Amino acid sequence: MLIYLGLNALFLACGTPERIKAGGDYFVSDIAYDIGGDGLKWVIRVTIAISSATSVLAMTATAPRTA
């Protein structure tokens, strides 16, 4: 939890409000690029994709059992 909160604080501290609004869905990967270059940008993108996929798979697996 502390890592999650620390990363969110870092991303918000590195971006201006205008940049956050203009960045849309790519704001976090753009800030990661500024912090750690192309490598960190892709690590963040892959992490987001995997966490999204696991959420969808979890919902797919549990939905039939909740009816």
Protein backbone atom coordinates (compact mmCIF):
# COMPACT_ATOMS: atom_id res chain seq x y z
CA MET A 1 0.00 0.00 0.00
CA LEU A 2 2.85 2.36 0.79
CA ILE A 3 4.44 1.73 -2.62
CA TYR A 4 1.11 2.46 -4.32
CA LEU A 5 0.60 5.69 -2.40
CA GLY A 6 4.22 6.73 -2.95
CA LEU A 7 3.99 6.20 -6.71
CA ASN A 8 0.74 8.14 -6.93
CA ALA A 9 2.24 11.01 -4.93
CA LEU A 10 5.29 10.98 -7.19
CA PHE A 11 3.19 11.05 -10.36
CA LEU A 12 1.07 13.91 -9.09
CA ALA A 13 4.10 15.88 -7.87
CA CYS A 14 5.78 15.61 -11.27
CA GLY A 15 2.82 16.84 -13.29
CA THR A 16 1.08 20.18 -13.46
CA PRO A 17 -2.74 20.35 -13.38
CA GLU A 18 -2.78 21.34 -17.05
CA ARG A 19 -0.61 18.39 -17.98
CA ILE A 20 -2.82 16.00 -15.99
CA LYS A 21 -5.93 17.26 -17.81
CA ALA A 22 -4.27 17.20 -21.22
CA GLY A 23 -2.63 13.79 -20.71
CA GLY A 24 -5.83 11.82 -20.40
CA ASP A 25 -5.24 8.08 -20.29
CA TYR A 26 -1.54 8.43 -21.02
CA PHE A 27 -0.67 10.76 -18.15
CA VAL A 28 0.94 8.11 -15.94
CA SER A 29 3.08 6.63 -18.71
CA ASP A 30 4.17 10.12 -19.79
CA ILE A 31 5.30 10.96 -16.25
CA ALA A 32 7.01 7.55 -15.99
CA TYR A 33 8.89 8.40 -19.19
CA ASP A 34 10.05 11.70 -17.65
CA ILE A 35 11.22 9.91 -14.50
CA GLY A 36 12.79 6.73 -15.86
CA GLY A 37 12.89 6.93 -19.62
CA ASP A 38 11.43 4.56 -22.15
CA GLY A 39 12.03 1.47 -19.97
CA LEU A 40 9.94 2.68 -17.05
CA LYS A 41 7.24 3.91 -19.41
CA TRP A 42 6.76 0.40 -20.81
CA VAL A 43 6.96 -1.23 -17.37
CA ILE A 44 4.10 1.00 -16.20
CA ARG A 45 2.06 0.30 -19.35
CA VAL A 46 2.51 -3.47 -19.04
CA THR A 47 1.67 -3.35 -15.33
CA ILE A 48 -1.55 -1.46 -16.04
CA ALA A 49 -2.48 -3.90 -18.82
CA ILE A 50 -1.85 -6.98 -16.67
CA SER A 51 -3.75 -5.58 -13.70
CA SER A 52 -6.69 -4.69 -15.95
CA ALA A 53 -6.67 -8.17 -17.49
CA THR A 54 -6.61 -9.88 -14.10
CA SER A 55 -9.57 -7.79 -12.94
CA VAL A 56 -11.59 -8.80 -16.00
CA LEU A 57 -10.67 -12.46 -15.57
CA ALA A 58 -11.60 -12.37 -11.89
CA MET A 59 -15.00 -10.87 -12.67
CA THR A 60 -15.55 -13.43 -15.42
CA ALA A 61 -14.72 -16.27 -13.07
CA THR A 62 -16.92 -15.10 -10.17
CA ALA A 63 -19.94 -13.68 -12.00
CA PRO A 64 -21.77 -16.98 -12.61
CA ARG A 65 -21.48 -17.88 -8.93
CA THR A 66 -23.11 -14.73 -7.59
CA ALA A 67 -26.53 -15.19 -9.19
